[in-house]
Amino acid sequence: MTVQQITKGIKISVKTKEEGFIQENELDYYTFSYEITIENNSLDTVQLIERHWEIFDALNYKEFVDGKGVVGETPILSPQESYTYKSGTFLQSNIGAMSGFFTMENIRNKTSFKVTIPTFNLSTIASLN
């Protein structure tokens, strides 16, 4: 399933996938990957500067992640260009969600703005039954 949201002409699309189960430091984790596509449908060239994530799970665990760019990159998108990247996360519960925003900068006038990343669910196939 894909979730999408448009903010100021920037369209964010997210696809998720359950990757499996791992054990690390005597703790069990469910692993998930997500693929994000950023489409610049505005009239301006923009650059992704920072990201902010809020990660939740069914055990009331909450984590905040902030950082420069995504997967080590700060892509510049001209009008009608898109950029896709893949990443992942671990949860102690088999049900959770992520949401957040990207801070983008308009290259022409150097103003920054936030682009909403729609909330997307992370759940194992077993939890859907």
N, C-alpha and C. Protein backbone atom coordinates (compact mmCIF):
# COMPACT_ATOMS: atom_id res chain seq x y z
N MET A 1 0.84 -1.17 0.00
CA MET A 1 0.00 0.00 0.00
C MET A 1 0.89 1.25 0.00
N THR A 2 0.48 2.24 -0.75
CA THR A 2 1.22 3.50 -0.85
C THR A 2 0.40 4.62 -0.22
N VAL A 3 1.06 5.44 0.60
CA VAL A 3 0.42 6.64 1.13
C VAL A 3 1.12 7.84 0.50
N GLN A 4 0.33 8.92 0.30
CA GLN A 4 0.87 10.09 -0.37
C GLN A 4 0.38 11.37 0.30
N GLN A 5 1.16 12.43 0.16
CA GLN A 5 0.76 13.74 0.66
C GLN A 5 1.50 14.79 -0.16
N ILE A 6 0.82 15.91 -0.43
CA ILE A 6 1.43 17.02 -1.17
C ILE A 6 1.47 18.24 -0.26
N THR A 7 2.64 18.86 -0.15
CA THR A 7 2.82 20.10 0.60
C THR A 7 3.57 21.08 -0.30
N LYS A 8 2.96 22.22 -0.59
CA LYS A 8 3.60 23.28 -1.40
C LYS A 8 4.15 22.74 -2.71
N GLY A 9 3.41 21.84 -3.34
CA GLY A 9 3.81 21.29 -4.63
C GLY A 9 4.79 20.14 -4.57
N ILE A 10 5.19 19.73 -3.37
CA ILE A 10 6.12 18.61 -3.22
C ILE A 10 5.32 17.39 -2.78
N LYS A 11 5.31 16.37 -3.62
CA LYS A 11 4.54 15.15 -3.35
C LYS A 11 5.45 14.09 -2.74
N ILE A 12 5.04 13.58 -1.58
CA ILE A 12 5.77 12.50 -0.90
C ILE A 12 4.92 11.24 -1.01
N SER A 13 5.50 10.17 -1.52
CA SER A 13 4.85 8.86 -1.61
C SER A 13 5.68 7.85 -0.83
N VAL A 14 5.01 7.01 -0.04
CA VAL A 14 5.72 6.03 0.81
C VAL A 14 5.14 4.64 0.58
N LYS A 15 6.03 3.67 0.35
CA LYS A 15 5.69 2.25 0.28
C LYS A 15 6.46 1.55 1.39
N THR A 16 5.82 0.60 2.06
CA THR A 16 6.50 -0.12 3.14
C THR A 16 6.53 -1.62 2.87
N LYS A 17 7.45 -2.29 3.57
CA LYS A 17 7.56 -3.74 3.43
C LYS A 17 8.09 -4.33 4.73
N GLU A 18 7.48 -5.41 5.15
CA GLU A 18 7.99 -6.17 6.30
C GLU A 18 9.21 -6.95 5.83
N GLU A 19 10.31 -6.85 6.57
CA GLU A 19 11.54 -7.52 6.16
C GLU A 19 11.86 -8.77 6.98
N GLY A 20 11.25 -8.92 8.15
CA GLY A 20 11.53 -10.10 8.95
C GLY A 20 11.73 -9.79 10.41
N PHE A 21 12.48 -10.65 11.04
CA PHE A 21 12.62 -10.63 12.48
C PHE A 21 14.09 -10.87 12.81
N ILE A 22 14.66 -10.10 13.72
CA ILE A 22 16.04 -10.33 14.14
C ILE A 22 16.12 -10.27 15.66
N GLN A 23 17.19 -10.84 16.19
CA GLN A 23 17.46 -10.75 17.62
C GLN A 23 18.82 -10.09 17.79
N GLU A 24 18.86 -9.06 18.65
CA GLU A 24 20.09 -8.33 18.87
C GLU A 24 20.16 -7.94 20.34
N ASN A 25 21.29 -8.22 20.98
CA ASN A 25 21.47 -7.93 22.41
C ASN A 25 20.31 -8.47 23.26
N GLU A 26 19.93 -9.70 22.96
CA GLU A 26 18.85 -10.40 23.66
C GLU A 26 17.48 -9.74 23.52
N LEU A 27 17.33 -8.83 22.58
CA LEU A 27 16.04 -8.22 22.30
C LEU A 27 15.57 -8.66 20.92
N ASP A 28 14.26 -8.82 20.78
CA ASP A 28 13.66 -9.20 19.50
C ASP A 28 13.19 -7.95 18.77
N TYR A 29 13.44 -7.90 17.47
CA TYR A 29 13.02 -6.75 16.66
C TYR A 29 12.34 -7.22 15.38
N TYR A 30 11.30 -6.52 15.01
CA TYR A 30 10.66 -6.68 13.70
C TYR A 30 11.30 -5.64 12.79
N THR A 31 11.68 -6.04 11.60
CA THR A 31 12.36 -5.12 10.69
C THR A 31 11.44 -4.75 9.53
N PHE A 32 11.51 -3.48 9.16
CA PHE A 32 10.68 -2.95 8.09
C PHE A 32 11.53 -2.06 7.19
N SER A 33 11.22 -2.08 5.90
CA SER A 33 11.85 -1.15 4.98
C SER A 33 10.77 -0.22 4.45
N TYR A 34 11.21 0.94 4.01
CA TYR A 34 10.29 1.87 3.37
C TYR A 34 11.00 2.54 2.20
N GLU A 35 10.21 2.83 1.18
CA GLU A 35 10.71 3.50 -0.01
C GLU A 35 9.96 4.81 -0.14
N ILE A 36 10.69 5.90 -0.24
CA ILE A 36 10.09 7.22 -0.33
C ILE A 36 10.45 7.86 -1.67
N THR A 37 9.43 8.36 -2.35
CA THR A 37 9.62 9.11 -3.58
C THR A 37 9.20 10.55 -3.33
N ILE A 38 10.07 11.47 -3.67
CA ILE A 38 9.82 12.90 -3.53
C ILE A 38 9.70 13.46 -4.95
N GLU A 39 8.53 14.01 -5.26
CA GLU A 39 8.30 14.59 -6.59
C GLU A 39 8.13 16.09 -6.46
N ASN A 40 8.89 16.83 -7.25
CA ASN A 40 8.78 18.28 -7.23
C ASN A 40 7.80 18.73 -8.31
N ASN A 41 6.56 18.97 -7.90
CA ASN A 41 5.54 19.45 -8.82
C ASN A 41 5.36 20.96 -8.70
N SER A 42 6.30 21.63 -8.04
CA SER A 42 6.24 23.08 -7.91
C SER A 42 6.95 23.72 -9.11
N LEU A 43 6.98 25.04 -9.13
CA LEU A 43 7.65 25.77 -10.21
C LEU A 43 9.09 26.13 -9.86
N ASP A 44 9.53 25.78 -8.66
CA ASP A 44 10.85 26.16 -8.17
C ASP A 44 11.76 24.95 -7.99
N THR A 45 13.05 25.17 -8.10
CA THR A 45 14.05 24.15 -7.78
C THR A 45 14.23 24.15 -6.26
N VAL A 46 14.20 22.94 -5.67
CA VAL A 46 14.29 22.81 -4.22
C VAL A 46 15.37 21.81 -3.85
N GLN A 47 15.85 21.93 -2.61
CA GLN A 47 16.84 20.98 -2.08
C GLN A 47 16.35 20.45 -0.75
N LEU A 48 16.46 19.14 -0.57
CA LEU A 48 16.13 18.52 0.71
C LEU A 48 17.32 18.76 1.65
N ILE A 49 17.06 19.44 2.76
CA ILE A 49 18.13 19.82 3.68
C ILE A 49 18.19 18.89 4.90
N GLU A 50 17.04 18.65 5.54
CA GLU A 50 16.99 17.85 6.78
C GLU A 50 15.75 16.97 6.80
N ARG A 51 15.79 16.00 7.72
CA ARG A 51 14.64 15.13 7.94
C ARG A 51 14.33 15.09 9.43
N HIS A 52 13.06 14.86 9.74
CA HIS A 52 12.61 14.65 11.12
C HIS A 52 11.63 13.50 11.10
N TRP A 53 11.90 12.47 11.91
CA TRP A 53 11.03 11.28 12.01
C TRP A 53 10.51 11.13 13.41
N GLU A 54 9.27 10.68 13.51
CA GLU A 54 8.68 10.21 14.76
C GLU A 54 8.27 8.77 14.52
N ILE A 55 8.84 7.87 15.30
CA ILE A 55 8.61 6.43 15.14
C ILE A 55 7.90 5.92 16.39
N PHE A 56 6.78 5.23 16.20
CA PHE A 56 5.96 4.74 17.30
C PHE A 56 5.76 3.24 17.15
N ASP A 57 5.54 2.54 18.26
CA ASP A 57 5.10 1.15 18.15
C ASP A 57 4.00 0.87 19.17
N ALA A 58 3.42 -0.32 19.09
CA ALA A 58 2.28 -0.69 19.93
C ALA A 58 2.65 -0.86 21.39
N LEU A 59 3.92 -0.86 21.72
CA LEU A 59 4.37 -0.97 23.11
C LEU A 59 4.60 0.40 23.74
N ASN A 60 4.09 1.44 23.08
CA ASN A 60 4.22 2.83 23.52
C ASN A 60 5.65 3.35 23.45
N TYR A 61 6.47 2.72 22.64
CA TYR A 61 7.83 3.21 22.41
C TYR A 61 7.74 4.34 21.39
N LYS A 62 8.48 5.41 21.63
CA LYS A 62 8.50 6.54 20.72
C LYS A 62 9.95 6.99 20.54
N GLU A 63 10.34 7.19 19.29
CA GLU A 63 11.70 7.63 18.99
C GLU A 63 11.63 8.79 18.01
N PHE A 64 12.51 9.76 18.21
CA PHE A 64 12.62 10.89 17.30
C PHE A 64 13.99 10.84 16.64
N VAL A 65 14.01 11.03 15.33
CA VAL A 65 15.25 10.99 14.57
C VAL A 65 15.33 12.26 13.73
N ASP A 66 16.41 13.01 13.91
CA ASP A 66 16.66 14.22 13.12
C ASP A 66 18.03 14.09 12.47
N GLY A 67 18.16 14.64 11.27
CA GLY A 67 19.45 14.59 10.64
C GLY A 67 19.48 15.34 9.33
N LYS A 68 20.68 15.48 8.82
CA LYS A 68 20.89 16.15 7.55
C LYS A 68 20.53 15.20 6.42
N GLY A 69 19.75 15.70 5.46
CA GLY A 69 19.43 14.94 4.26
C GLY A 69 18.80 13.59 4.53
N VAL A 70 18.92 12.71 3.54
CA VAL A 70 18.43 11.34 3.64
C VAL A 70 19.47 10.41 3.03
N VAL A 71 19.72 9.30 3.65
CA VAL A 71 20.70 8.30 3.23
C VAL A 71 22.01 8.95 2.74
N GLY A 72 22.45 9.96 3.49
CA GLY A 72 23.72 10.62 3.18
C GLY A 72 23.67 11.60 2.02
N GLU A 73 22.48 11.93 1.54
CA GLU A 73 22.37 12.84 0.40
C GLU A 73 21.43 14.00 0.71
N THR A 74 21.66 15.11 0.03
CA THR A 74 20.77 16.28 0.10
C THR A 74 20.38 16.63 -1.34
N PRO A 75 19.47 15.85 -1.92
CA PRO A 75 19.18 15.99 -3.35
C PRO A 75 18.55 17.34 -3.71
N ILE A 76 18.90 17.82 -4.90
CA ILE A 76 18.31 19.01 -5.48
C ILE A 76 17.36 18.56 -6.59
N LEU A 77 16.12 19.06 -6.54
CA LEU A 77 15.10 18.66 -7.50
C LEU A 77 14.60 19.87 -8.27
N SER A 78 14.82 19.86 -9.56
CA SER A 78 14.23 20.88 -10.43
C SER A 78 12.75 20.57 -10.61
N PRO A 79 11.97 21.53 -11.11
CA PRO A 79 10.55 21.24 -11.35
C PRO A 79 10.36 19.98 -12.19
N GLN A 80 9.41 19.15 -11.77
CA GLN A 80 9.03 17.89 -12.42
C GLN A 80 10.05 16.76 -12.22
N GLU A 81 11.09 16.97 -11.44
CA GLU A 81 12.04 15.89 -11.13
C GLU A 81 11.58 15.15 -9.89
N SER A 82 12.06 13.91 -9.75
CA SER A 82 11.76 13.12 -8.56
C SER A 82 13.03 12.44 -8.06
N TYR A 83 12.97 12.02 -6.81
CA TYR A 83 14.08 11.36 -6.15
C TYR A 83 13.48 10.26 -5.28
N THR A 84 14.04 9.05 -5.37
CA THR A 84 13.56 7.92 -4.59
C THR A 84 14.71 7.33 -3.79
N TYR A 85 14.42 7.00 -2.53
CA TYR A 85 15.42 6.32 -1.71
C TYR A 85 14.74 5.28 -0.85
N LYS A 86 15.55 4.34 -0.36
CA LYS A 86 15.06 3.28 0.52
C LYS A 86 15.81 3.33 1.84
N SER A 87 15.10 3.02 2.91
CA SER A 87 15.70 2.95 4.23
C SER A 87 14.89 1.96 5.06
N GLY A 88 15.14 1.92 6.36
CA GLY A 88 14.42 0.96 7.19
C GLY A 88 14.46 1.32 8.65
N THR A 89 13.72 0.53 9.43
CA THR A 89 13.67 0.74 10.86
C THR A 89 13.38 -0.59 11.56
N PHE A 90 13.62 -0.61 12.86
CA PHE A 90 13.36 -1.78 13.71
C PHE A 90 12.31 -1.40 14.75
N LEU A 91 11.40 -2.32 15.05
CA LEU A 91 10.43 -2.12 16.12
C LEU A 91 10.44 -3.33 17.04
N GLN A 92 10.19 -3.11 18.32
CA GLN A 92 10.05 -4.24 19.24
C GLN A 92 8.66 -4.84 19.17
N SER A 93 7.71 -4.10 18.64
CA SER A 93 6.34 -4.56 18.44
C SER A 93 6.14 -4.87 16.96
N ASN A 94 5.16 -5.72 16.65
CA ASN A 94 4.90 -6.03 15.25
C ASN A 94 3.95 -5.03 14.59
N ILE A 95 3.57 -3.99 15.33
CA ILE A 95 2.72 -2.94 14.79
C ILE A 95 3.30 -1.59 15.20
N GLY A 96 3.38 -0.68 14.25
CA GLY A 96 3.87 0.65 14.55
C GLY A 96 3.56 1.60 13.42
N ALA A 97 4.13 2.79 13.50
CA ALA A 97 3.91 3.80 12.47
C ALA A 97 5.07 4.80 12.49
N MET A 98 5.21 5.50 11.38
CA MET A 98 6.19 6.57 11.27
C MET A 98 5.53 7.78 10.64
N SER A 99 5.99 8.94 11.03
CA SER A 99 5.57 10.19 10.39
C SER A 99 6.70 11.18 10.55
N GLY A 100 6.57 12.32 9.90
CA GLY A 100 7.61 13.33 10.04
C GLY A 100 7.52 14.40 8.99
N PHE A 101 8.67 15.04 8.74
CA PHE A 101 8.72 16.06 7.70
C PHE A 101 10.14 16.20 7.18
N PHE A 102 10.23 16.72 5.96
CA PHE A 102 11.50 17.11 5.37
C PHE A 102 11.56 18.63 5.40
N THR A 103 12.73 19.17 5.71
CA THR A 103 12.95 20.60 5.55
C THR A 103 13.58 20.78 4.18
N MET A 104 12.89 21.57 3.35
CA MET A 104 13.35 21.83 1.99
C MET A 104 13.76 23.30 1.89
N GLU A 105 14.63 23.58 0.93
CA GLU A 105 15.01 24.97 0.69
C GLU A 105 14.75 25.31 -0.77
N ASN A 106 14.09 26.44 -0.98
CA ASN A 106 13.89 26.97 -2.32
C ASN A 106 15.24 27.54 -2.76
N ILE A 107 15.81 27.01 -3.83
CA ILE A 107 17.14 27.41 -4.29
C ILE A 107 17.17 28.87 -4.73
N ARG A 108 16.10 29.33 -5.36
CA ARG A 108 16.07 30.70 -5.91
C ARG A 108 16.11 31.76 -4.82
N ASN A 109 15.22 31.63 -3.82
CA ASN A 109 15.14 32.70 -2.81
C ASN A 109 15.68 32.30 -1.44
N LYS A 110 16.24 31.09 -1.34
CA LYS A 110 16.89 30.61 -0.11
C LYS A 110 15.95 30.52 1.10
N THR A 111 14.65 30.41 0.87
CA THR A 111 13.72 30.23 1.98
C THR A 111 13.52 28.74 2.22
N SER A 112 13.37 28.38 3.49
CA SER A 112 13.14 26.98 3.82
C SER A 112 11.68 26.78 4.20
N PHE A 113 11.22 25.55 4.01
CA PHE A 113 9.84 25.19 4.33
C PHE A 113 9.78 23.70 4.66
N LYS A 114 8.75 23.32 5.39
CA LYS A 114 8.58 21.92 5.79
C LYS A 114 7.61 21.23 4.86
N VAL A 115 7.95 20.00 4.51
CA VAL A 115 7.10 19.15 3.69
C VAL A 115 6.70 17.94 4.53
N THR A 116 5.42 17.76 4.71
CA THR A 116 4.91 16.67 5.55
C THR A 116 5.16 15.31 4.91
N ILE A 117 5.67 14.39 5.72
CA ILE A 117 5.75 12.98 5.33
C ILE A 117 4.50 12.34 5.92
N PRO A 118 3.62 11.78 5.09
CA PRO A 118 2.38 11.23 5.65
C PRO A 118 2.66 10.08 6.61
N THR A 119 1.82 9.95 7.62
CA THR A 119 1.94 8.83 8.55
C THR A 119 1.74 7.53 7.79
N PHE A 120 2.65 6.59 8.00
CA PHE A 120 2.50 5.28 7.37
C PHE A 120 2.65 4.20 8.42
N ASN A 121 1.85 3.14 8.24
CA ASN A 121 1.82 2.03 9.18
C ASN A 121 2.91 1.01 8.87
N LEU A 122 3.41 0.41 9.93
CA LEU A 122 4.36 -0.69 9.84
C LEU A 122 3.74 -1.86 10.59
N SER A 123 3.47 -2.94 9.91
CA SER A 123 2.87 -4.10 10.59
C SER A 123 3.24 -5.37 9.86
N THR A 124 3.33 -6.44 10.64
CA THR A 124 3.63 -7.73 10.08
C THR A 124 2.37 -8.32 9.46
N ILE A 125 2.55 -9.21 8.52
CA ILE A 125 1.41 -9.85 7.88
C ILE A 125 0.56 -10.58 8.90
N ALA A 126 1.18 -11.22 9.90
CA ALA A 126 0.44 -11.95 10.93
C ALA A 126 -0.49 -11.04 11.71
N SER A 127 -0.08 -9.78 11.93
CA SER A 127 -0.92 -8.87 12.72
C SER A 127 -2.11 -8.37 11.95
N LEU A 128 -2.14 -8.58 10.62
CA LEU A 128 -3.25 -8.12 9.82
C LEU A 128 -4.42 -9.09 9.82
N ASN A 129 -4.22 -10.31 10.30
CA ASN A 129 -5.29 -11.32 10.31
C ASN A 129 -6.21 -11.15 11.50
